Amino acid sequence: MGAEPHIHGGWTPIRNLSDPYVIGLGEFAVAEYDKQTKETLVFHNLLSGMIQELIGATNYQIVLAAENGSGCLRRLDDYRAAVSVLVTLPPYKSLDSFKPTDV
């Protein structure tokens, strides 16, 4: 979803960062990170991404902006997230990594 046709198994850019499915993956990544770390990041938007389609799974590497902090200390920071979606019913998503882009 959100990418041009490509070679099976290779990484290609996500062309449509406004695709609701891809936005949902960004929201999932932030929510899952918050759940795992007790942080309170808030998803803001997608900046870029790559997609890799495999047999039985699709992998996404996305760069996103999220609000961090609260009140007057609130700021936008960029993060890299890796999300895997397994082809099951319903599809199973997992957050494989989530890091600030400056790391």
PDB file of N, CA and C in Angstrom:
ATOM      1  N   MET A   1       0.833  -1.179   0.000  1.00  0.00           N
ATOM      2  CA  MET A   1       0.000   0.000   0.000  1.00  0.00           C
ATOM      3  C   MET A   1       0.879   1.244   0.000  1.00  0.00           C
ATOM      4  N   GLY A   2       0.498   2.256  -0.748  1.00  0.00           N
ATOM      5  CA  GLY A   2       1.197   3.514  -0.711  1.00  0.00           C
ATOM      6  C   GLY A   2       2.537   3.513  -1.399  1.00  0.00           C
ATOM      7  N   ALA A   3       2.860   2.472  -2.184  1.00  0.00           N
ATOM      8  CA  ALA A   3       4.149   2.427  -2.868  1.00  0.00           C
ATOM      9  C   ALA A   3       3.930   2.000  -4.316  1.00  0.00           C
ATOM     10  N   GLU A   4       4.924   2.296  -5.153  1.00  0.00           N
ATOM     11  CA  GLU A   4       4.865   1.871  -6.548  1.00  0.00           C
ATOM     12  C   GLU A   4       5.158   0.379  -6.636  1.00  0.00           C
ATOM     13  N   PRO A   5       4.826  -0.253  -7.807  1.00  0.00           N
ATOM     14  CA  PRO A   5       5.219  -1.647  -7.994  1.00  0.00           C
ATOM     15  C   PRO A   5       6.733  -1.759  -7.875  1.00  0.00           C
ATOM     16  N   HIS A   6       7.204  -2.862  -7.326  1.00  0.00           N
ATOM     17  CA  HIS A   6       8.625  -3.018  -7.085  1.00  0.00           C
ATOM     18  C   HIS A   6       9.018  -4.484  -7.094  1.00  0.00           C
ATOM     19  N   ILE A   7      10.298  -4.727  -6.997  1.00  0.00           N
ATOM     20  CA  ILE A   7      10.804  -6.083  -6.948  1.00  0.00           C
ATOM     21  C   ILE A   7      10.440  -6.693  -5.604  1.00  0.00           C
ATOM     22  N   HIS A   8       9.868  -7.894  -5.622  1.00  0.00           N
ATOM     23  CA  HIS A   8       9.460  -8.581  -4.400  1.00  0.00           C
ATOM     24  C   HIS A   8      10.658  -8.747  -3.483  1.00  0.00           C
ATOM     25  N   GLY A   9      10.537  -8.283  -2.244  1.00  0.00           N
ATOM     26  CA  GLY A   9      11.594  -8.421  -1.263  1.00  0.00           C
ATOM     27  C   GLY A   9      12.520  -7.226  -1.169  1.00  0.00           C
ATOM     28  N   GLY A  10      12.479  -6.311  -2.155  1.00  0.00           N
ATOM     29  CA  GLY A  10      13.331  -5.128  -2.115  1.00  0.00           C
ATOM     30  C   GLY A  10      12.633  -3.973  -1.411  1.00  0.00           C
ATOM     31  N   TRP A  11      13.418  -3.005  -0.977  1.00  0.00           N
ATOM     32  CA  TRP A  11      12.863  -1.807  -0.327  1.00  0.00           C
ATOM     33  C   TRP A  11      12.570  -0.744  -1.364  1.00  0.00           C
ATOM     34  N   THR A  12      11.394  -0.126  -1.276  1.00  0.00           N
ATOM     35  CA  THR A  12      11.018   0.978  -2.154  1.00  0.00           C
ATOM     36  C   THR A  12      10.394   2.095  -1.316  1.00  0.00           C
ATOM     37  N   PRO A  13      10.472   3.328  -1.812  1.00  0.00           N
ATOM     38  CA  PRO A  13       9.887   4.449  -1.060  1.00  0.00           C
ATOM     39  C   PRO A  13       8.366   4.337  -0.972  1.00  0.00           C
ATOM     40  N   ILE A  14       7.828   4.790   0.133  1.00  0.00           N
ATOM     41  CA  ILE A  14       6.379   4.936   0.267  1.00  0.00           C
ATOM     42  C   ILE A  14       6.042   6.251  -0.425  1.00  0.00           C
ATOM     43  N   ARG A  15       5.276   6.174  -1.494  1.00  0.00           N
ATOM     44  CA  ARG A  15       4.973   7.359  -2.304  1.00  0.00           C
ATOM     45  C   ARG A  15       3.871   8.230  -1.710  1.00  0.00           C
ATOM     46  N   ASN A  16       2.901   7.616  -1.054  1.00  0.00           N
ATOM     47  CA  ASN A  16       1.751   8.362  -0.566  1.00  0.00           C
ATOM     48  C   ASN A  16       1.745   8.370   0.960  1.00  0.00           C
ATOM     49  N   LEU A  17       2.416   9.351   1.538  1.00  0.00           N
ATOM     50  CA  LEU A  17       2.491   9.442   2.999  1.00  0.00           C
ATOM     51  C   LEU A  17       1.177   9.889   3.625  1.00  0.00           C
ATOM     52  N   SER A  18       0.202  10.280   2.802  1.00  0.00           N
ATOM     53  CA  SER A  18      -1.105  10.653   3.333  1.00  0.00           C
ATOM     54  C   SER A  18      -2.105   9.489   3.253  1.00  0.00           C
ATOM     55  N   ASP A  19      -1.643   8.310   2.823  1.00  0.00           N
ATOM     56  CA  ASP A  19      -2.481   7.117   2.794  1.00  0.00           C
ATOM     57  C   ASP A  19      -2.906   6.796   4.235  1.00  0.00           C
ATOM     58  N   PRO A  20      -4.211   6.706   4.499  1.00  0.00           N
ATOM     59  CA  PRO A  20      -4.682   6.446   5.869  1.00  0.00           C
ATOM     60  C   PRO A  20      -4.074   5.186   6.496  1.00  0.00           C
ATOM     61  N   TYR A  21      -3.819   4.164   5.702  1.00  0.00           N
ATOM     62  CA  TYR A  21      -3.215   2.937   6.231  1.00  0.00           C
ATOM     63  C   TYR A  21      -1.805   3.213   6.752  1.00  0.00           C
ATOM     64  N   VAL A  22      -1.021   3.941   5.976  1.00  0.00           N
ATOM     65  CA  VAL A  22       0.358   4.247   6.360  1.00  0.00           C
ATOM     66  C   VAL A  22       0.376   5.192   7.565  1.00  0.00           C
ATOM     67  N   ILE A  23      -0.518   6.179   7.579  1.00  0.00           N
ATOM     68  CA  ILE A  23      -0.640   7.061   8.748  1.00  0.00           C
ATOM     69  C   ILE A  23      -0.978   6.230   9.983  1.00  0.00           C
ATOM     70  N   GLY A  24      -1.866   5.259   9.822  1.00  0.00           N
ATOM     71  CA  GLY A  24      -2.225   4.372  10.926  1.00  0.00           C
ATOM     72  C   GLY A  24      -1.023   3.605  11.467  1.00  0.00           C
ATOM     73  N   LEU A  25      -0.088   3.241  10.584  1.00  0.00           N
ATOM     74  CA  LEU A  25       1.125   2.559  11.044  1.00  0.00           C
ATOM     75  C   LEU A  25       1.987   3.502  11.883  1.00  0.00           C
ATOM     76  N   GLY A  26       2.058   4.771  11.489  1.00  0.00           N
ATOM     77  CA  GLY A  26       2.790   5.752  12.286  1.00  0.00           C
ATOM     78  C   GLY A  26       2.146   5.948  13.642  1.00  0.00           C
ATOM     79  N   GLU A  27       0.828   6.053  13.657  1.00  0.00           N
ATOM     80  CA  GLU A  27       0.097   6.192  14.929  1.00  0.00           C
ATOM     81  C   GLU A  27       0.303   4.963  15.804  1.00  0.00           C
ATOM     82  N   PHE A  28       0.269   3.779  15.187  1.00  0.00           N
ATOM     83  CA  PHE A  28       0.509   2.537  15.921  1.00  0.00           C
ATOM     84  C   PHE A  28       1.909   2.540  16.533  1.00  0.00           C
ATOM     85  N   ALA A  29       2.915   2.958  15.750  1.00  0.00           N
ATOM     86  CA  ALA A  29       4.299   2.954  16.237  1.00  0.00           C
ATOM     87  C   ALA A  29       4.441   3.828  17.480  1.00  0.00           C
ATOM     88  N   VAL A  30       3.867   5.022  17.441  1.00  0.00           N
ATOM     89  CA  VAL A  30       3.957   5.927  18.592  1.00  0.00           C
ATOM     90  C   VAL A  30       3.191   5.360  19.787  1.00  0.00           C
ATOM     91  N   ALA A  31       1.996   4.871  19.570  1.00  0.00           N
ATOM     92  CA  ALA A  31       1.190   4.320  20.666  1.00  0.00           C
ATOM     93  C   ALA A  31       1.875   3.107  21.294  1.00  0.00           C
ATOM     94  N   GLU A  32       2.445   2.251  20.471  1.00  0.00           N
ATOM     95  CA  GLU A  32       3.121   1.055  20.988  1.00  0.00           C
ATOM     96  C   GLU A  32       4.385   1.442  21.759  1.00  0.00           C
ATOM     97  N   TYR A  33       5.119   2.418  21.243  1.00  0.00           N
ATOM     98  CA  TYR A  33       6.308   2.914  21.949  1.00  0.00           C
ATOM     99  C   TYR A  33       5.905   3.483  23.312  1.00  0.00           C
ATOM    100  N   ASP A  34       4.850   4.290  23.315  1.00  0.00           N
ATOM    101  CA  ASP A  34       4.364   4.857  24.581  1.00  0.00           C
ATOM    102  C   ASP A  34       3.991   3.746  25.563  1.00  0.00           C
ATOM    103  N   LYS A  35       3.310   2.728  25.069  1.00  0.00           N
ATOM    104  CA  LYS A  35       2.872   1.626  25.923  1.00  0.00           C
ATOM    105  C   LYS A  35       4.070   0.874  26.505  1.00  0.00           C
ATOM    106  N   GLN A  36       5.091   0.654  25.689  1.00  0.00           N
ATOM    107  CA  GLN A  36       6.258  -0.107  26.132  1.00  0.00           C
ATOM    108  C   GLN A  36       7.157   0.688  27.076  1.00  0.00           C
ATOM    109  N   THR A  37       7.198   2.014  26.917  1.00  0.00           N
ATOM    110  CA  THR A  37       8.166   2.835  27.667  1.00  0.00           C
ATOM    111  C   THR A  37       7.529   3.760  28.697  1.00  0.00           C
ATOM    112  N   LYS A  38       6.205   3.842  28.709  1.00  0.00           N
ATOM    113  CA  LYS A  38       5.474   4.766  29.592  1.00  0.00           C
ATOM    114  C   LYS A  38       5.727   6.230  29.219  1.00  0.00           C
ATOM    115  N   GLU A  39       6.207   6.477  27.991  1.00  0.00           N
ATOM    116  CA  GLU A  39       6.364   7.844  27.477  1.00  0.00           C
ATOM    117  C   GLU A  39       4.985   8.381  27.106  1.00  0.00           C
ATOM    118  N   THR A  40       4.928   9.654  26.725  1.00  0.00           N
ATOM    119  CA  THR A  40       3.652  10.258  26.325  1.00  0.00           C
ATOM    120  C   THR A  40       3.823  11.023  25.010  1.00  0.00           C
ATOM    121  N   LEU A  41       4.489  10.382  24.033  1.00  0.00           N
ATOM    122  CA  LEU A  41       4.609  11.003  22.718  1.00  0.00           C
ATOM    123  C   LEU A  41       3.236  11.052  22.061  1.00  0.00           C
ATOM    124  N   VAL A  42       3.047  12.030  21.186  1.00  0.00           N
ATOM    125  CA  VAL A  42       1.806  12.160  20.430  1.00  0.00           C
ATOM    126  C   VAL A  42       2.172  12.237  18.949  1.00  0.00           C
ATOM    127  N   PHE A  43       1.640  11.309  18.142  1.00  0.00           N
ATOM    128  CA  PHE A  43       1.921  11.289  16.707  1.00  0.00           C
ATOM    129  C   PHE A  43       1.538  12.623  16.080  1.00  0.00           C
ATOM    130  N   HIS A  44       2.408  13.127  15.195  1.00  0.00           N
ATOM    131  CA  HIS A  44       2.119  14.381  14.491  1.00  0.00           C
ATOM    132  C   HIS A  44       1.954  14.132  12.990  1.00  0.00           C
ATOM    133  N   ASN A  45       2.989  13.608  12.322  1.00  0.00           N
ATOM    134  CA  ASN A  45       2.877  13.308  10.897  1.00  0.00           C
ATOM    135  C   ASN A  45       4.025  12.422  10.438  1.00  0.00           C
ATOM    136  N   LEU A  46       3.881  11.869   9.222  1.00  0.00           N
ATOM    137  CA  LEU A  46       4.930  11.070   8.599  1.00  0.00           C
ATOM    138  C   LEU A  46       5.832  11.976   7.780  1.00  0.00           C
ATOM    139  N   LEU A  47       7.132  11.684   7.777  1.00  0.00           N
ATOM    140  CA  LEU A  47       8.091  12.474   7.015  1.00  0.00           C
ATOM    141  C   LEU A  47       8.616  11.709   5.796  1.00  0.00           C
ATOM    142  N   SER A  48       8.826  10.415   5.944  1.00  0.00           N
ATOM    143  CA  SER A  48       9.291   9.576   4.825  1.00  0.00           C
ATOM    144  C   SER A  48       9.120   8.120   5.226  1.00  0.00           C
ATOM    145  N   GLY A  49       9.335   7.234   4.278  1.00  0.00           N
ATOM    146  CA  GLY A  49       9.230   5.813   4.602  1.00  0.00           C
ATOM    147  C   GLY A  49       9.619   4.914   3.452  1.00  0.00           C
ATOM    148  N   MET A  50       9.904   3.681   3.816  1.00  0.00           N
ATOM    149  CA  MET A  50      10.237   2.631   2.854  1.00  0.00           C
ATOM    150  C   MET A  50       9.363   1.420   3.172  1.00  0.00           C
ATOM    151  N   ILE A  51       9.099   0.623   2.132  1.00  0.00           N
ATOM    152  CA  ILE A  51       8.275  -0.573   2.287  1.00  0.00           C
ATOM    153  C   ILE A  51       9.003  -1.755   1.661  1.00  0.00           C
ATOM    154  N   GLN A  52       8.866  -2.924   2.310  1.00  0.00           N
ATOM    155  CA  GLN A  52       9.437  -4.167   1.807  1.00  0.00           C
ATOM    156  C   GLN A  52       8.359  -5.239   1.916  1.00  0.00           C
ATOM    157  N   GLU A  53       7.953  -5.768   0.760  1.00  0.00           N
ATOM    158  CA  GLU A  53       6.922  -6.814   0.765  1.00  0.00           C
ATOM    159  C   GLU A  53       7.582  -8.177   0.639  1.00  0.00           C
ATOM    160  N   LEU A  54       7.265  -9.053   1.575  1.00  0.00           N
ATOM    161  CA  LEU A  54       7.777 -10.417   1.597  1.00  0.00           C
ATOM    162  C   LEU A  54       6.602 -11.380   1.575  1.00  0.00           C
ATOM    163  N   ILE A  55       6.886 -12.653   1.434  1.00  0.00           N
ATOM    164  CA  ILE A  55       5.823 -13.648   1.515  1.00  0.00           C
ATOM    165  C   ILE A  55       5.397 -13.741   2.973  1.00  0.00           C
ATOM    166  N   GLY A  56       4.156 -13.411   3.247  1.00  0.00           N
ATOM    167  CA  GLY A  56       3.622 -13.516   4.596  1.00  0.00           C
ATOM    168  C   GLY A  56       3.793 -12.305   5.483  1.00  0.00           C
ATOM    169  N   ALA A  57       4.504 -11.261   4.993  1.00  0.00           N
ATOM    170  CA  ALA A  57       4.713 -10.081   5.830  1.00  0.00           C
ATOM    171  C   ALA A  57       5.072  -8.875   4.969  1.00  0.00           C
ATOM    172  N   THR A  58       4.805  -7.713   5.505  1.00  0.00           N
ATOM    173  CA  THR A  58       5.248  -6.459   4.904  1.00  0.00           C
ATOM    174  C   THR A  58       5.955  -5.666   5.985  1.00  0.00           C
ATOM    175  N   ASN A  59       7.146  -5.181   5.666  1.00  0.00           N
ATOM    176  CA  ASN A  59       7.932  -4.393   6.608  1.00  0.00           C
ATOM    177  C   ASN A  59       7.924  -2.931   6.195  1.00  0.00           C
ATOM    178  N   TYR A  60       7.871  -2.065   7.178  1.00  0.00           N
ATOM    179  CA  TYR A  60       7.875  -0.627   6.939  1.00  0.00           C
ATOM    180  C   TYR A  60       8.973   0.009   7.776  1.00  0.00           C
ATOM    181  N   GLN A  61       9.744   0.886   7.177  1.00  0.00           N
ATOM    182  CA  GLN A  61      10.680   1.742   7.892  1.00  0.00           C
ATOM    183  C   GLN A  61      10.169   3.157   7.675  1.00  0.00           C
ATOM    184  N   ILE A  62       9.750   3.804   8.743  1.00  0.00           N
ATOM    185  CA  ILE A  62       9.154   5.131   8.602  1.00  0.00           C
ATOM    186  C   ILE A  62       9.863   6.140   9.498  1.00  0.00           C
ATOM    187  N   VAL A  63       9.913   7.360   9.003  1.00  0.00           N
ATOM    188  CA  VAL A  63      10.409   8.489   9.788  1.00  0.00           C
ATOM    189  C   VAL A  63       9.186   9.353  10.073  1.00  0.00           C
ATOM    190  N   LEU A  64       8.991   9.670  11.346  1.00  0.00           N
ATOM    191  CA  LEU A  64       7.788  10.408  11.733  1.00  0.00           C
ATOM    192  C   LEU A  64       8.148  11.506  12.722  1.00  0.00           C
ATOM    193  N   ALA A  65       7.261  12.466  12.830  1.00  0.00           N
ATOM    194  CA  ALA A  65       7.391  13.520  13.838  1.00  0.00           C
ATOM    195  C   ALA A  65       6.363  13.244  14.921  1.00  0.00           C
ATOM    196  N   ALA A  66       6.788  13.428  16.166  1.00  0.00           N
ATOM    197  CA  ALA A  66       5.897  13.243  17.303  1.00  0.00           C
ATOM    198  C   ALA A  66       6.147  14.351  18.311  1.00  0.00           C
ATOM    199  N   GLU A  67       5.075  14.773  18.968  1.00  0.00           N
ATOM    200  CA  GLU A  67       5.194  15.782  20.019  1.00  0.00           C
ATOM    201  C   GLU A  67       5.720  15.108  21.282  1.00  0.00           C
ATOM    202  N   ASN A  68       6.658  15.782  21.908  1.00  0.00           N
ATOM    203  CA  ASN A  68       7.293  15.262  23.106  1.00  0.00           C
ATOM    204  C   ASN A  68       7.254  16.340  24.173  1.00  0.00           C
ATOM    205  N   GLY A  69       6.985  15.968  25.407  1.00  0.00           N
ATOM    206  CA  GLY A  69       6.926  16.948  26.492  1.00  0.00           C
ATOM    207  C   GLY A  69       5.503  17.416  26.732  1.00  0.00           C
ATOM    208  N   SER A  70       5.389  18.442  27.583  1.00  0.00           N
ATOM    209  CA  SER A  70       4.061  18.968  27.878  1.00  0.00           C
ATOM    210  C   SER A  70       4.145  20.463  28.136  1.00  0.00           C
ATOM    211  N   GLY A  71       3.006  21.132  28.020  1.00  0.00           N
ATOM    212  CA  GLY A  71       2.935  22.570  28.274  1.00  0.00           C
ATOM    213  C   GLY A  71       3.889  23.352  27.399  1.00  0.00           C
ATOM    214  N   CYS A  72       4.586  24.309  27.975  1.00  0.00           N
ATOM    215  CA  CYS A  72       5.498  25.153  27.208  1.00  0.00           C
ATOM    216  C   CYS A  72       6.756  24.391  26.796  1.00  0.00           C
ATOM    217  N   LEU A  73       6.965  23.185  27.343  1.00  0.00           N
ATOM    218  CA  LEU A  73       8.132  22.376  26.984  1.00  0.00           C
ATOM    219  C   LEU A  73       7.850  21.423  25.827  1.00  0.00           C
ATOM    220  N   ARG A  74       6.616  21.472  25.286  1.00  0.00           N
ATOM    221  CA  ARG A  74       6.243  20.580  24.190  1.00  0.00           C
ATOM    222  C   ARG A  74       7.026  20.948  22.931  1.00  0.00           C
ATOM    223  N   ARG A  75       7.572  19.933  22.267  1.00  0.00           N
ATOM    224  CA  ARG A  75       8.321  20.164  21.034  1.00  0.00           C
ATOM    225  C   ARG A  75       8.121  18.980  20.091  1.00  0.00           C
ATOM    226  N   LEU A  76       8.399  19.203  18.803  1.00  0.00           N
ATOM    227  CA  LEU A  76       8.345  18.126  17.822  1.00  0.00           C
ATOM    228  C   LEU A  76       9.732  17.522  17.686  1.00  0.00           C
ATOM    229  N   ASP A  77       9.812  16.197  17.746  1.00  0.00           N
ATOM    230  CA  ASP A  77      11.045  15.467  17.507  1.00  0.00           C
ATOM    231  C   ASP A  77      10.782  14.443  16.420  1.00  0.00           C
ATOM    232  N   ASP A  78      11.843  14.080  15.700  1.00  0.00           N
ATOM    233  CA  ASP A  78      11.743  13.082  14.635  1.00  0.00           C
ATOM    234  C   ASP A  78      12.237  11.731  15.140  1.00  0.00           C
ATOM    235  N   TYR A  79      11.551  10.673  14.698  1.00  0.00           N
ATOM    236  CA  TYR A  79      11.865   9.311  15.118  1.00  0.00           C
ATOM    237  C   TYR A  79      11.859   8.384  13.908  1.00  0.00           C
ATOM    238  N   ARG A  80      12.672   7.324  13.992  1.00  0.00           N
ATOM    239  CA  ARG A  80      12.667   6.243  13.006  1.00  0.00           C
ATOM    240  C   ARG A  80      11.983   5.037  13.651  1.00  0.00           C
ATOM    241  N   ALA A  81      11.023   4.479  12.939  1.00  0.00           N
ATOM    242  CA  ALA A  81      10.312   3.306  13.448  1.00  0.00           C
ATOM    243  C   ALA A  81      10.334   2.205  12.402  1.00  0.00           C
ATOM    244  N   ALA A  82      10.432   0.975  12.872  1.00  0.00           N
ATOM    245  CA  ALA A  82      10.305  -0.197  12.008  1.00  0.00           C
ATOM    246  C   ALA A  82       9.084  -0.969  12.476  1.00  0.00           C
ATOM    247  N   VAL A  83       8.159  -1.185  11.545  1.00  0.00           N
ATOM    248  CA  VAL A  83       6.915  -1.892  11.849  1.00  0.00           C
ATOM    249  C   VAL A  83       6.773  -3.058  10.881  1.00  0.00           C
ATOM    250  N   SER A  84       6.437  -4.226  11.410  1.00  0.00           N
ATOM    251  CA  SER A  84       6.167  -5.403  10.588  1.00  0.00           C
ATOM    252  C   SER A  84       4.684  -5.715  10.652  1.00  0.00           C
ATOM    253  N   VAL A  85       4.118  -6.069   9.510  1.00  0.00           N
ATOM    254  CA  VAL A  85       2.712  -6.464   9.451  1.00  0.00           C
ATOM    255  C   VAL A  85       2.662  -7.871   8.873  1.00  0.00           C
ATOM    256  N   LEU A  86       2.228  -8.834   9.691  1.00  0.00           N
ATOM    257  CA  LEU A  86       2.121 -10.220   9.238  1.00  0.00           C
ATOM    258  C   LEU A  86       0.763 -10.432   8.578  1.00  0.00           C
ATOM    259  N   VAL A  87       0.764 -11.249   7.537  1.00  0.00           N
ATOM    260  CA  VAL A  87      -0.463 -11.542   6.807  1.00  0.00           C
ATOM    261  C   VAL A  87      -1.216 -12.631   7.570  1.00  0.00           C
ATOM    262  N   THR A  88      -2.068 -12.186   8.488  1.00  0.00           N
ATOM    263  CA  THR A  88      -2.925 -13.077   9.261  1.00  0.00           C
ATOM    264  C   THR A  88      -4.306 -12.438   9.286  1.00  0.00           C
ATOM    265  N   LEU A  89      -5.275 -13.128   9.820  1.00  0.00           N
ATOM    266  CA  LEU A  89      -6.615 -12.560   9.969  1.00  0.00           C
ATOM    267  C   LEU A  89      -6.939 -12.442  11.443  1.00  0.00           C
ATOM    268  N   PRO A  90      -7.049 -11.268  12.003  1.00  0.00           N
ATOM    269  CA  PRO A  90      -6.712  -9.985  11.383  1.00  0.00           C
ATOM    270  C   PRO A  90      -5.194  -9.828  11.290  1.00  0.00           C
ATOM    271  N   PRO A  91      -4.719  -8.864  10.471  1.00  0.00           N
ATOM    272  CA  PRO A  91      -3.268  -8.660  10.353  1.00  0.00           C
ATOM    273  C   PRO A  91      -2.645  -8.360  11.713  1.00  0.00           C
ATOM    274  N   TYR A  92      -1.455  -8.900  11.936  1.00  0.00           N
ATOM    275  CA  TYR A  92      -0.739  -8.695  13.193  1.00  0.00           C
ATOM    276  C   TYR A  92       0.382  -7.689  12.968  1.00  0.00           C
ATOM    277  N   LYS A  93       0.405  -6.616  13.760  1.00  0.00           N
ATOM    278  CA  LYS A  93       1.438  -5.585  13.646  1.00  0.00           C
ATOM    279  C   LYS A  93       2.374  -5.685  14.840  1.00  0.00           C
ATOM    280  N   SER A  94       3.665  -5.449  14.566  1.00  0.00           N
ATOM    281  CA  SER A  94       4.621  -5.387  15.670  1.00  0.00           C
ATOM    282  C   SER A  94       5.576  -4.221  15.444  1.00  0.00           C
ATOM    283  N   LEU A  95       5.939  -3.572  16.534  1.00  0.00           N
ATOM    284  CA  LEU A  95       6.925  -2.498  16.497  1.00  0.00           C
ATOM    285  C   LEU A  95       8.286  -3.136  16.736  1.00  0.00           C
ATOM    286  N   ASP A  96       9.136  -3.110  15.726  1.00  0.00           N
ATOM    287  CA  ASP A  96      10.436  -3.768  15.816  1.00  0.00           C
ATOM    288  C   ASP A  96      11.523  -2.842  16.349  1.00  0.00           C
ATOM    289  N   SER A  97      11.392  -1.539  16.089  1.00  0.00           N
ATOM    290  CA  SER A  97      12.332  -0.566  16.664  1.00  0.00           C
ATOM    291  C   SER A  97      11.715   0.817  16.610  1.00  0.00           C
ATOM    292  N   PHE A  98      12.200   1.682  17.496  1.00  0.00           N
ATOM    293  CA  PHE A  98      11.716   3.060  17.569  1.00  0.00           C
ATOM    294  C   PHE A  98      12.826   3.872  18.217  1.00  0.00           C
ATOM    295  N   LYS A  99      13.434   4.792  17.448  1.00  0.00           N
ATOM    296  CA  LYS A  99      14.567   5.566  17.944  1.00  0.00           C
ATOM    297  C   LYS A  99      14.494   7.002  17.455  1.00  0.00           C
ATOM    298  N   PRO A 100      15.035   7.943  18.234  1.00  0.00           N
ATOM    299  CA  PRO A 100      15.168   9.305  17.710  1.00  0.00           C
ATOM    300  C   PRO A 100      16.068   9.295  16.474  1.00  0.00           C
ATOM    301  N   THR A 101      15.809  10.189  15.538  1.00  0.00           N
ATOM    302  CA  THR A 101      16.612  10.190  14.306  1.00  0.00           C
ATOM    303  C   THR A 101      18.037  10.631  14.533  1.00  0.00           C
ATOM    304  N   ASP A 102      18.330  11.305  15.629  1.00  0.00           N
ATOM    305  CA  ASP A 102      19.697  11.770  15.876  1.00  0.00           C
ATOM    306  C   ASP A 102      20.577  10.710  16.518  1.00  0.00           C
ATOM    307  N   VAL A 103      20.061   9.486  16.667  1.00  0.00           N
ATOM    308  CA  VAL A 103      20.846   8.394  17.265  1.00  0.00           C
ATOM    309  C   VAL A 103      21.494   7.593  16.166  1.00  0.00           C
TER     310      VAL A 103
END
